[in-house]
PDB file of all heavy atoms in Angstrom:
ATOM      1  N   ALA A   1    -154.117  21.210 142.036  1.00  0.00           N
ATOM      2  CA  ALA A   1    -152.775  20.636 142.008  1.00  0.00           C
ATOM      3  C   ALA A   1    -151.883  21.404 141.039  1.00  0.00           C
ATOM      4  O   ALA A   1    -150.718  21.695 141.332  1.00  0.00           O
ATOM      5  CB  ALA A   1    -152.839  19.156 141.619  1.00  0.00           C
ATOM      6  N   GLU A   2    -152.446  21.746 139.882  1.00  0.00           N
ATOM      7  CA  GLU A   2    -151.687  22.507 138.890  1.00  0.00           C
ATOM      8  C   GLU A   2    -151.375  23.915 139.411  1.00  0.00           C
ATOM      9  O   GLU A   2    -150.283  24.449 139.194  1.00  0.00           O
ATOM     10  CB  GLU A   2    -152.463  22.592 137.579  1.00  0.00           C
ATOM     11  CG  GLU A   2    -152.630  21.268 136.840  1.00  0.00           C
ATOM     12  CD  GLU A   2    -153.828  20.460 137.324  1.00  0.00           C
ATOM     13  OE1 GLU A   2    -154.399  20.821 138.375  1.00  0.00           O
ATOM     14  OE2 GLU A   2    -154.180  19.469 136.655  1.00  0.00           O
ATOM     15  N   ALA A   3    -152.340  24.513 140.102  1.00  0.00           N
ATOM     16  CA  ALA A   3    -152.118  25.845 140.676  1.00  0.00           C
ATOM     17  C   ALA A   3    -151.012  25.798 141.724  1.00  0.00           C
ATOM     18  O   ALA A   3    -150.141  26.677 141.774  1.00  0.00           O
ATOM     19  CB  ALA A   3    -153.405  26.371 141.296  1.00  0.00           C
ATOM     20  N   ASP A   4    -151.028  24.763 142.562  1.00  0.00           N
ATOM     21  CA  ASP A   4    -149.974  24.605 143.571  1.00  0.00           C
ATOM     22  C   ASP A   4    -148.607  24.476 142.917  1.00  0.00           C
ATOM     23  O   ASP A   4    -147.618  25.056 143.384  1.00  0.00           O
ATOM     24  CB  ASP A   4    -150.241  23.357 144.429  1.00  0.00           C
ATOM     25  CG  ASP A   4    -151.330  23.584 145.469  1.00  0.00           C
ATOM     26  OD1 ASP A   4    -151.731  24.748 145.673  1.00  0.00           O
ATOM     27  OD2 ASP A   4    -151.770  22.608 146.089  1.00  0.00           O
ATOM     28  N   ALA A   5    -148.545  23.703 141.835  1.00  0.00           N
ATOM     29  CA  ALA A   5    -147.274  23.495 141.146  1.00  0.00           C
ATOM     30  C   ALA A   5    -146.755  24.803 140.547  1.00  0.00           C
ATOM     31  O   ALA A   5    -145.556  25.108 140.633  1.00  0.00           O
ATOM     32  CB  ALA A   5    -147.438  22.433 140.054  1.00  0.00           C
ATOM     33  N   GLU A   6    -147.647  25.579 139.940  1.00  0.00           N
ATOM     34  CA  GLU A   6    -147.244  26.869 139.361  1.00  0.00           C
ATOM     35  C   GLU A   6    -146.768  27.835 140.446  1.00  0.00           C
ATOM     36  O   GLU A   6    -145.791  28.563 140.262  1.00  0.00           O
ATOM     37  CB  GLU A   6    -148.423  27.484 138.598  1.00  0.00           C
ATOM     38  CG  GLU A   6    -148.696  26.862 137.249  1.00  0.00           C
ATOM     39  CD  GLU A   6    -147.564  27.111 136.257  1.00  0.00           C
ATOM     40  OE1 GLU A   6    -147.016  28.229 136.235  1.00  0.00           O
ATOM     41  OE2 GLU A   6    -147.222  26.173 135.507  1.00  0.00           O
ATOM     42  N   MET A   7    -147.454  27.812 141.593  1.00  0.00           N
ATOM     43  CA  MET A   7    -147.081  28.709 142.681  1.00  0.00           C
ATOM     44  C   MET A   7    -145.724  28.324 143.255  1.00  0.00           C
ATOM     45  O   MET A   7    -144.893  29.185 143.552  1.00  0.00           O
ATOM     46  CB  MET A   7    -148.154  28.649 143.773  1.00  0.00           C
ATOM     47  CG  MET A   7    -148.158  29.831 144.710  1.00  0.00           C
ATOM     48  SD  MET A   7    -148.811  31.340 143.940  1.00  0.00           S
ATOM     49  CE  MET A   7    -147.284  32.235 143.605  1.00  0.00           C
ATOM     50  N   ALA A   8    -145.491  27.026 143.405  1.00  0.00           N
ATOM     51  CA  ALA A   8    -144.201  26.555 143.918  1.00  0.00           C
ATOM     52  C   ALA A   8    -143.073  26.958 142.969  1.00  0.00           C
ATOM     53  O   ALA A   8    -141.982  27.355 143.411  1.00  0.00           O
ATOM     54  CB  ALA A   8    -144.237  25.035 144.101  1.00  0.00           C
ATOM     55  N   LYS A   9    -143.337  26.881 141.690  1.00  0.00           N
ATOM     56  CA  LYS A   9    -142.342  27.284 140.689  1.00  0.00           C
ATOM     57  C   LYS A   9    -142.033  28.773 140.821  1.00  0.00           C
ATOM     58  O   LYS A   9    -140.859  29.186 140.792  1.00  0.00           O
ATOM     59  CB  LYS A   9    -142.866  26.970 139.293  1.00  0.00           C
ATOM     60  CG  LYS A   9    -141.930  27.372 138.159  1.00  0.00           C
ATOM     61  CD  LYS A   9    -142.555  27.033 136.811  1.00  0.00           C
ATOM     62  CE  LYS A   9    -141.675  27.496 135.661  1.00  0.00           C
ATOM     63  NZ  LYS A   9    -142.301  27.204 134.334  1.00  0.00           N
ATOM     64  N   ALA A  10    -143.067  29.592 140.963  1.00  0.00           N
ATOM     65  CA  ALA A  10    -142.869  31.038 141.091  1.00  0.00           C
ATOM     66  C   ALA A  10    -142.062  31.369 142.349  1.00  0.00           C
ATOM     67  O   ALA A  10    -141.198  32.256 142.326  1.00  0.00           O
ATOM     68  CB  ALA A  10    -144.223  31.742 141.135  1.00  0.00           C
ATOM     69  N   LEU A  11    -142.317  30.660 143.434  1.00  0.00           N
ATOM     70  CA  LEU A  11    -141.574  30.904 144.676  1.00  0.00           C
ATOM     71  C   LEU A  11    -140.103  30.507 144.539  1.00  0.00           C
ATOM     72  O   LEU A  11    -139.224  31.165 145.100  1.00  0.00           O
ATOM     73  CB  LEU A  11    -142.220  30.142 145.835  1.00  0.00           C
ATOM     74  CG  LEU A  11    -143.515  30.736 146.387  1.00  0.00           C
ATOM     75  CD1 LEU A  11    -144.218  29.737 147.300  1.00  0.00           C
ATOM     76  CD2 LEU A  11    -143.229  32.038 147.143  1.00  0.00           C
ATOM     77  N   ARG A  12    -139.846  29.443 143.785  1.00  0.00           N
ATOM     78  CA  ARG A  12    -138.445  29.043 143.557  1.00  0.00           C
ATOM     79  C   ARG A  12    -137.711  30.091 142.736  1.00  0.00           C
ATOM     80  O   ARG A  12    -136.541  30.396 142.995  1.00  0.00           O
ATOM     81  CB  ARG A  12    -138.386  27.678 142.850  1.00  0.00           C
ATOM     82  CG  ARG A  12    -138.720  26.483 143.730  1.00  0.00           C
ATOM     83  CD  ARG A  12    -138.296  25.177 143.073  1.00  0.00           C
ATOM     84  NE  ARG A  12    -138.894  24.981 141.764  1.00  0.00           N
ATOM     85  CZ  ARG A  12    -140.069  24.383 141.567  1.00  0.00           C
ATOM     86  NH1 ARG A  12    -140.774  23.956 142.604  1.00  0.00           N
ATOM     87  NH2 ARG A  12    -140.542  24.212 140.349  1.00  0.00           N
ATOM     88  N   LEU A  13    -138.404  30.652 141.748  1.00  0.00           N
ATOM     89  CA  LEU A  13    -137.775  31.622 140.859  1.00  0.00           C
ATOM     90  C   LEU A  13    -137.548  32.974 141.530  1.00  0.00           C
ATOM     91  O   LEU A  13    -136.576  33.661 141.235  1.00  0.00           O
ATOM     92  CB  LEU A  13    -138.633  31.804 139.603  1.00  0.00           C
ATOM     93  CG  LEU A  13    -138.701  30.599 138.647  1.00  0.00           C
ATOM     94  CD1 LEU A  13    -139.737  30.841 137.560  1.00  0.00           C
ATOM     95  CD2 LEU A  13    -137.324  30.347 138.012  1.00  0.00           C
ATOM     96  N   ASP A  14    -138.458  33.357 142.432  1.00  0.00           N
ATOM     97  CA  ASP A  14    -138.367  34.697 143.035  1.00  0.00           C
ATOM     98  C   ASP A  14    -138.879  34.671 144.478  1.00  0.00           C
ATOM     99  O   ASP A  14    -139.948  35.206 144.777  1.00  0.00           O
ATOM    100  CB  ASP A  14    -139.174  35.693 142.196  1.00  0.00           C
ATOM    101  CG  ASP A  14    -138.785  37.142 142.485  1.00  0.00           C
ATOM    102  OD1 ASP A  14    -137.962  37.360 143.399  1.00  0.00           O
ATOM    103  OD2 ASP A  14    -139.299  38.038 141.798  1.00  0.00           O
ATOM    104  N   PRO A  15    -138.127  34.042 145.383  1.00  0.00           N
ATOM    105  CA  PRO A  15    -138.606  33.858 146.757  1.00  0.00           C
ATOM    106  C   PRO A  15    -138.737  35.152 147.553  1.00  0.00           C
ATOM    107  O   PRO A  15    -139.390  35.163 148.594  1.00  0.00           O
ATOM    108  CB  PRO A  15    -137.541  32.940 147.380  1.00  0.00           C
ATOM    109  CG  PRO A  15    -136.307  33.182 146.570  1.00  0.00           C
ATOM    110  CD  PRO A  15    -136.797  33.429 145.181  1.00  0.00           C
ATOM    111  N   GLU A  16    -138.121  36.227 147.087  1.00  0.00           N
ATOM    112  CA  GLU A  16    -138.195  37.501 147.808  1.00  0.00           C
ATOM    113  C   GLU A  16    -139.268  38.431 147.257  1.00  0.00           C
ATOM    114  O   GLU A  16    -139.426  39.559 147.743  1.00  0.00           O
ATOM    115  CB  GLU A  16    -136.832  38.207 147.735  1.00  0.00           C
ATOM    116  CG  GLU A  16    -135.697  37.422 148.380  1.00  0.00           C
ATOM    117  CD  GLU A  16    -135.955  37.168 149.858  1.00  0.00           C
ATOM    118  OE1 GLU A  16    -136.310  38.130 150.560  1.00  0.00           O
ATOM    119  OE2 GLU A  16    -135.824  36.012 150.293  1.00  0.00           O
ATOM    120  N   SER A  17    -140.014  37.974 146.265  1.00  0.00           N
ATOM    121  CA  SER A  17    -141.013  38.821 145.626  1.00  0.00           C
ATOM    122  C   SER A  17    -142.219  39.064 146.536  1.00  0.00           C
ATOM    123  O   SER A  17    -142.811  38.116 147.062  1.00  0.00           O
ATOM    124  CB  SER A  17    -141.492  38.176 144.320  1.00  0.00           C
ATOM    125  OG  SER A  17    -142.669  38.800 143.842  1.00  0.00           O
ATOM    126  N   TRP A  18    -142.575  40.340 146.680  1.00  0.00           N
ATOM    127  CA  TRP A  18    -143.789  40.689 147.431  1.00  0.00           C
ATOM    128  C   TRP A  18    -145.014  40.090 146.757  1.00  0.00           C
ATOM    129  O   TRP A  18    -145.852  39.451 147.414  1.00  0.00           O
ATOM    130  CB  TRP A  18    -143.916  42.214 147.498  1.00  0.00           C
ATOM    131  CG  TRP A  18    -145.293  42.692 147.855  1.00  0.00           C
ATOM    132  CD1 TRP A  18    -145.866  42.712 149.098  1.00  0.00           C
ATOM    133  CD2 TRP A  18    -146.286  43.194 146.952  1.00  0.00           C
ATOM    134  NE1 TRP A  18    -147.152  43.203 149.025  1.00  0.00           N
ATOM    135  CE2 TRP A  18    -147.434  43.509 147.716  1.00  0.00           C
ATOM    136  CE3 TRP A  18    -146.307  43.424 145.569  1.00  0.00           C
ATOM    137  CZ2 TRP A  18    -148.590  44.029 147.136  1.00  0.00           C
ATOM    138  CZ3 TRP A  18    -147.464  43.938 145.006  1.00  0.00           C
ATOM    139  CH2 TRP A  18    -148.579  44.231 145.790  1.00  0.00           C
ATOM    140  N   GLU A  19    -145.118  40.261 145.435  1.00  0.00           N
ATOM    141  CA  GLU A  19    -146.304  39.794 144.727  1.00  0.00           C
ATOM    142  C   GLU A  19    -146.445  38.277 144.798  1.00  0.00           C
ATOM    143  O   GLU A  19    -147.539  37.758 145.049  1.00  0.00           O
ATOM    144  CB  GLU A  19    -146.233  40.228 143.259  1.00  0.00           C
ATOM    145  CG  GLU A  19    -147.462  39.813 142.452  1.00  0.00           C
ATOM    146  CD  GLU A  19    -147.373  40.229 141.002  1.00  0.00           C
ATOM    147  OE1 GLU A  19    -146.305  40.677 140.561  1.00  0.00           O
ATOM    148  OE2 GLU A  19    -148.396  40.097 140.296  1.00  0.00           O
ATOM    149  N   VAL A  20    -145.338  37.559 144.601  1.00  0.00           N
ATOM    150  CA  VAL A  20    -145.394  36.093 144.603  1.00  0.00           C
ATOM    151  C   VAL A  20    -145.743  35.576 145.990  1.00  0.00           C
ATOM    152  O   VAL A  20    -146.573  34.670 146.145  1.00  0.00           O
ATOM    153  CB  VAL A  20    -144.055  35.501 144.114  1.00  0.00           C
ATOM    154  CG1 VAL A  20    -144.021  33.997 144.333  1.00  0.00           C
ATOM    155  CG2 VAL A  20    -143.848  35.821 142.636  1.00  0.00           C
ATOM    156  N   ASN A  21    -145.134  36.138 147.030  1.00  0.00           N
ATOM    157  CA  ASN A  21    -145.439  35.682 148.382  1.00  0.00           C
ATOM    158  C   ASN A  21    -146.883  35.972 148.763  1.00  0.00           C
ATOM    159  O   ASN A  21    -147.551  35.143 149.392  1.00  0.00           O
ATOM    160  CB  ASN A  21    -144.483  36.331 149.385  1.00  0.00           C
ATOM    161  CG  ASN A  21    -143.176  35.585 149.499  1.00  0.00           C
ATOM    162  OD1 ASN A  21    -143.076  34.564 150.173  1.00  0.00           O
ATOM    163  ND2 ASN A  21    -142.158  36.081 148.812  1.00  0.00           N
ATOM    164  N   LYS A  22    -147.367  37.135 148.372  1.00  0.00           N
ATOM    165  CA  LYS A  22    -148.747  37.478 148.711  1.00  0.00           C
ATOM    166  C   LYS A  22    -149.728  36.569 147.973  1.00  0.00           C
ATOM    167  O   LYS A  22    -150.731  36.120 148.547  1.00  0.00           O
ATOM    168  CB  LYS A  22    -149.008  38.945 148.375  1.00  0.00           C
ATOM    169  CG  LYS A  22    -150.341  39.435 148.914  1.00  0.00           C
ATOM    170  CD  LYS A  22    -150.476  40.932 148.742  1.00  0.00           C
ATOM    171  CE  LYS A  22    -151.836  41.423 149.200  1.00  0.00           C
ATOM    172  NZ  LYS A  22    -151.996  42.882 149.016  1.00  0.00           N
ATOM    173  N   GLU A  23    -149.447  36.283 146.720  1.00  0.00           N
ATOM    174  CA  GLU A  23    -150.333  35.409 145.951  1.00  0.00           C
ATOM    175  C   GLU A  23    -150.289  33.981 146.503  1.00  0.00           C
ATOM    176  O   GLU A  23    -151.319  33.313 146.597  1.00  0.00           O
ATOM    177  CB  GLU A  23    -149.938  35.422 144.479  1.00  0.00           C
ATOM    178  CG  GLU A  23    -150.868  34.646 143.578  1.00  0.00           C
ATOM    179  CD  GLU A  23    -152.256  35.272 143.456  1.00  0.00           C
ATOM    180  OE1 GLU A  23    -152.441  36.425 143.887  1.00  0.00           O
ATOM    181  OE2 GLU A  23    -153.157  34.597 142.932  1.00  0.00           O
ATOM    182  N   ALA A  24    -149.096  33.521 146.878  1.00  0.00           N
ATOM    183  CA  ALA A  24    -148.979  32.191 147.477  1.00  0.00           C
ATOM    184  C   ALA A  24    -149.772  32.122 148.775  1.00  0.00           C
ATOM    185  O   ALA A  24    -150.495  31.147 149.039  1.00  0.00           O
ATOM    186  CB  ALA A  24    -147.514  31.859 147.738  1.00  0.00           C
ATOM    187  N   ALA A  25    -149.658  33.161 149.588  1.00  0.00           N
ATOM    188  CA  ALA A  25    -150.379  33.202 150.857  1.00  0.00           C
ATOM    189  C   ALA A  25    -151.884  33.200 150.635  1.00  0.00           C
ATOM    190  O   ALA A  25    -152.634  32.493 151.322  1.00  0.00           O
ATOM    191  CB  ALA A  25    -149.958  34.448 151.639  1.00  0.00           C
ATOM    192  N   ARG A  26    -152.325  34.000 149.671  1.00  0.00           N
ATOM    193  CA  ARG A  26    -153.755  34.062 149.361  1.00  0.00           C
ATOM    194  C   ARG A  26    -154.287  32.695 148.960  1.00  0.00           C
ATOM    195  O   ARG A  26    -155.331  32.239 149.448  1.00  0.00           O
ATOM    196  CB  ARG A  26    -153.988  35.073 148.229  1.00  0.00           C
ATOM    197  CG  ARG A  26    -155.443  35.250 147.835  1.00  0.00           C
ATOM    198  CD  ARG A  26    -155.551  35.853 146.441  1.00  0.00           C
ATOM    199  NE  ARG A  26    -154.920  35.001 145.434  1.00  0.00           N
ATOM    200  CZ  ARG A  26    -155.479  33.909 144.932  1.00  0.00           C
ATOM    201  NH1 ARG A  26    -156.676  33.527 145.340  1.00  0.00           N
ATOM    202  NH2 ARG A  26    -154.853  33.178 144.029  1.00  0.00           N
ATOM    203  N   MET A  27    -153.545  31.987 148.095  1.00  0.00           N
ATOM    204  CA  MET A  27    -153.980  30.675 147.636  1.00  0.00           C
ATOM    205  C   MET A  27    -154.012  29.665 148.781  1.00  0.00           C
ATOM    206  O   MET A  27    -154.964  28.893 148.936  1.00  0.00           O
ATOM    207  CB  MET A  27    -153.046  30.177 146.530  1.00  0.00           C
ATOM    208  CG  MET A  27    -153.480  28.867 145.904  1.00  0.00           C
ATOM    209  SD  MET A  27    -152.276  28.261 144.691  1.00  0.00           S
ATOM    210  CE  MET A  27    -150.972  27.720 145.796  1.00  0.00           C
ATOM    211  N   LEU A  28    -152.976  29.679 149.604  1.00  0.00           N
ATOM    212  CA  LEU A  28    -152.908  28.749 150.738  1.00  0.00           C
ATOM    213  C   LEU A  28    -154.014  29.032 151.747  1.00  0.00           C
ATOM    214  O   LEU A  28    -154.599  28.102 152.313  1.00  0.00           O
ATOM    215  CB  LEU A  28    -151.534  28.859 151.403  1.00  0.00           C
ATOM    216  CG  LEU A  28    -150.366  28.340 150.568  1.00  0.00           C
ATOM    217  CD1 LEU A  28    -149.038  28.861 151.124  1.00  0.00           C
ATOM    218  CD2 LEU A  28    -150.364  26.813 150.542  1.00  0.00           C
ATOM    219  N   TYR A  29    -154.316  30.306 151.954  1.00  0.00           N
ATOM    220  CA  TYR A  29    -155.373  30.667 152.893  1.00  0.00           C
ATOM    221  C   TYR A  29    -156.714  30.119 152.414  1.00  0.00           C
ATOM    222  O   TYR A  29    -157.498  29.589 153.209  1.00  0.00           O
ATOM    223  CB  TYR A  29    -155.441  32.189 153.037  1.00  0.00           C
ATOM    224  CG  TYR A  29    -156.442  32.654 154.070  1.00  0.00           C
ATOM    225  CD1 TYR A  29    -156.107  32.726 155.415  1.00  0.00           C
ATOM    226  CD2 TYR A  29    -157.725  33.020 153.701  1.00  0.00           C
ATOM    227  CE1 TYR A  29    -157.026  33.137 156.364  1.00  0.00           C
ATOM    228  CE2 TYR A  29    -158.650  33.442 154.641  1.00  0.00           C
ATOM    229  CZ  TYR A  29    -158.291  33.501 155.977  1.00  0.00           C
ATOM    230  OH  TYR A  29    -159.210  33.907 156.902  1.00  0.00           O
ATOM    231  N   ARG A  30    -156.966  30.232 151.115  1.00  0.00           N
ATOM    232  CA  ARG A  30    -158.234  29.735 150.576  1.00  0.00           C
ATOM    233  C   ARG A  30    -158.340  28.219 150.697  1.00  0.00           C
ATOM    234  O   ARG A  30    -159.444  27.675 150.739  1.00  0.00           O
ATOM    235  CB  ARG A  30    -158.378  30.144 149.103  1.00  0.00           C
ATOM    236  CG  ARG A  30    -158.616  31.630 148.932  1.00  0.00           C
ATOM    237  CD  ARG A  30    -158.897  31.979 147.490  1.00  0.00           C
ATOM    238  NE  ARG A  30    -159.063  33.411 147.316  1.00  0.00           N
ATOM    239  CZ  ARG A  30    -159.357  34.006 146.185  1.00  0.00           C
ATOM    240  NH1 ARG A  30    -159.519  33.287 145.091  1.00  0.00           N
ATOM    241  NH2 ARG A  30    -159.495  35.319 146.112  1.00  0.00           N
ATOM    242  N   GLN A  31    -157.210  27.550 150.750  1.00  0.00           N
ATOM    243  CA  GLN A  31    -157.203  26.108 150.949  1.00  0.00           C
ATOM    244  C   GLN A  31    -157.180  25.746 152.436  1.00  0.00           C
ATOM    245  O   GLN A  31    -157.073  24.587 152.785  1.00  0.00           O
ATOM    246  CB  GLN A  31    -155.986  25.496 150.249  1.00  0.00           C
ATOM    247  CG  GLN A  31    -155.999  25.648 148.745  1.00  0.00           C
ATOM    248  CD  GLN A  31    -154.742  25.113 148.085  1.00  0.00           C
ATOM    249  OE1 GLN A  31    -154.016  24.290 148.646  1.00  0.00           O
ATOM    250  NE2 GLN A  31    -154.456  25.568 146.884  1.00  0.00           N
ATOM    251  N   ARG A  32    -157.282  26.750 153.264  1.00  0.00           N
ATOM    252  CA  ARG A  32    -157.262  26.620 154.726  1.00  0.00           C
ATOM    253  C   ARG A  32    -155.947  26.018 155.229  1.00  0.00           C
ATOM    254  O   ARG A  32    -155.899  25.362 156.263  1.00  0.00           O
ATOM    255  CB  ARG A  32    -158.464  25.816 155.234  1.00  0.00           C
ATOM    256  CG  ARG A  32    -158.883  26.226 156.646  1.00  0.00           C
ATOM    257  CD  ARG A  32    -160.130  25.514 157.096  1.00  0.00           C
ATOM    258  NE  ARG A  32    -160.389  25.732 158.494  1.00  0.00           N
ATOM    259  CZ  ARG A  32    -161.303  26.562 158.992  1.00  0.00           C
ATOM    260  NH1 ARG A  32    -162.062  27.253 158.173  1.00  0.00           N
ATOM    261  NH2 ARG A  32    -161.487  26.679 160.279  1.00  0.00           N
ATOM    262  N   ARG A  33    -154.899  26.312 154.524  1.00  0.00           N
ATOM    263  CA  ARG A  33    -153.554  25.916 154.963  1.00  0.00           C
ATOM    264  C   ARG A  33    -152.952  27.136 155.663  1.00  0.00           C
ATOM    265  O   ARG A  33    -152.058  27.801 155.175  1.00  0.00           O
ATOM    266  CB  ARG A  33    -152.737  25.464 153.757  1.00  0.00           C
ATOM    267  CG  ARG A  33    -153.276  24.176 153.143  1.00  0.00           C
ATOM    268  CD  ARG A  33    -152.851  23.961 151.701  1.00  0.00           C
ATOM    269  NE  ARG A  33    -151.420  23.812 151.535  1.00  0.00           N
ATOM    270  CZ  ARG A  33    -150.827  23.647 150.354  1.00  0.00           C
ATOM    271  NH1 ARG A  33    -151.573  23.615 149.246  1.00  0.00           N
ATOM    272  NH2 ARG A  33    -149.525  23.516 150.268  1.00  0.00           N
ATOM    273  N   ILE A  34    -153.519  27.431 156.840  1.00  0.00           N
ATOM    274  CA  ILE A  34    -153.281  28.696 157.521  1.00  0.00           C
ATOM    275  C   ILE A  34    -151.822  28.858 157.936  1.00  0.00           C
ATOM    276  O   ILE A  34    -151.247  29.952 157.794  1.00  0.00           O
ATOM    277  CB  ILE A  34    -154.202  28.841 158.746  1.00  0.00           C
ATOM    278  CG1 ILE A  34    -155.680  28.665 158.339  1.00  0.00           C
ATOM    279  CG2 ILE A  34    -153.992  30.199 159.424  1.00  0.00           C
ATOM    280  CD1 ILE A  34    -156.177  29.684 157.356  1.00  0.00           C
ATOM    281  N   ASP A  35    -151.215  27.802 158.454  1.00  0.00           N
ATOM    282  CA  ASP A  35    -149.824  27.922 158.917  1.00  0.00           C
ATOM    283  C   ASP A  35    -148.895  28.300 157.770  1.00  0.00           C
ATOM    284  O   ASP A  35    -147.999  29.144 157.929  1.00  0.00           O
ATOM    285  CB  ASP A  35    -149.359  26.607 159.555  1.00  0.00           C
ATOM    286  CG  ASP A  35    -150.066  26.313 160.865  1.00  0.00           C
ATOM    287  OD1 ASP A  35    -150.721  27.225 161.407  1.00  0.00           O
ATOM    288  OD2 ASP A  35    -149.967  25.169 161.356  1.00  0.00           O
ATOM    289  N   GLU A  36    -149.111  27.677 156.613  1.00  0.00           N
ATOM    290  CA  GLU A  36    -148.279  27.994 155.453  1.00  0.00           C
ATOM    291  C   GLU A  36    -148.577  29.403 154.927  1.00  0.00           C
ATOM    292  O   GLU A  36    -147.657  30.134 154.541  1.00  0.00           O
ATOM    293  CB  GLU A  36    -148.507  26.965 154.348  1.00  0.00           C
ATOM    294  CG  GLU A  36    -148.074  25.548 154.706  1.00  0.00           C
ATOM    295  CD  GLU A  36    -148.584  24.538 153.697  1.00  0.00           C
ATOM    296  OE1 GLU A  36    -147.929  24.353 152.669  1.00  0.00           O
ATOM    297  OE2 GLU A  36    -149.652  23.945 153.944  1.00  0.00           O
ATOM    298  N   ALA A  37    -149.861  29.760 154.911  1.00  0.00           N
ATOM    299  CA  ALA A  37    -150.238  31.093 154.444  1.00  0.00           C
ATOM    300  C   ALA A  37    -149.605  32.176 155.312  1.00  0.00           C
ATOM    301  O   ALA A  37    -149.141  33.209 154.808  1.00  0.00           O
ATOM    302  CB  ALA A  37    -151.756  31.241 154.449  1.00  0.00           C
ATOM    303  N   THR A  38    -149.544  31.920 156.604  1.00  0.00           N
ATOM    304  CA  THR A  38    -148.974  32.894 157.537  1.00  0.00           C
ATOM    305  C   THR A  38    -147.537  33.241 157.169  1.00  0.00           C
ATOM    306  O   THR A  38    -147.133  34.413 157.201  1.00  0.00           O
ATOM    307  CB  THR A  38    -149.018  32.345 158.975  1.00  0.00           C
ATOM    308  OG1 THR A  38    -150.371  32.048 159.322  1.00  0.00           O
ATOM    309  CG2 THR A  38    -148.458  33.354 159.973  1.00  0.00           C
ATOM    310  N   ILE A  39    -146.759  32.229 156.814  1.00  0.00           N
ATOM    311  CA  ILE A  39    -145.352  32.445 156.467  1.00  0.00           C
ATOM    312  C   ILE A  39    -145.224  33.432 155.309  1.00  0.00           C
ATOM    313  O   ILE A  39    -144.400  34.360 155.339  1.00  0.00           O
ATOM    314  CB  ILE A  39    -144.684  31.102 156.101  1.00  0.00           C
ATOM    315  CG1 ILE A  39    -144.613  30.197 157.333  1.00  0.00           C
ATOM    316  CG2 ILE A  39    -143.288  31.322 155.508  1.00  0.00           C
ATOM    317  CD1 ILE A  39    -144.221  28.753 157.019  1.00  0.00           C
ATOM    318  N   HIS A  40    -146.070  33.259 154.303  1.00  0.00           N
ATOM    319  CA  HIS A  40    -145.946  34.091 153.102  1.00  0.00           C
ATOM    320  C   HIS A  40    -146.567  35.476 153.286  1.00  0.00           C
ATOM    321  O   HIS A  40    -146.056  36.452 152.728  1.00  0.00           O
ATOM    322  CB  HIS A  40    -146.532  33.355 151.902  1.00  0.00           C
ATOM    323  CG  HIS A  40    -145.753  32.129 151.532  1.00  0.00           C
ATOM    324  ND1 HIS A  40    -144.489  32.206 150.985  1.00  0.00           N
ATOM    325  CD2 HIS A  40    -146.038  30.812 151.665  1.00  0.00           C
ATOM    326  CE1 HIS A  40    -144.032  30.969 150.777  1.00  0.00           C
ATOM    327  NE2 HIS A  40    -144.945  30.119 151.183  1.00  0.00           N
TER     328      HIS A  40
END
């Protein structure tokens, strides 16, 4: 939950960042949230 909150914060601060989007996607994929991971 804390990791999700930190990731959401990073996406708000820099939504166009390659690194932030890739890290968000990686985390979502590991949680099997495939549709969300695909977007990032």
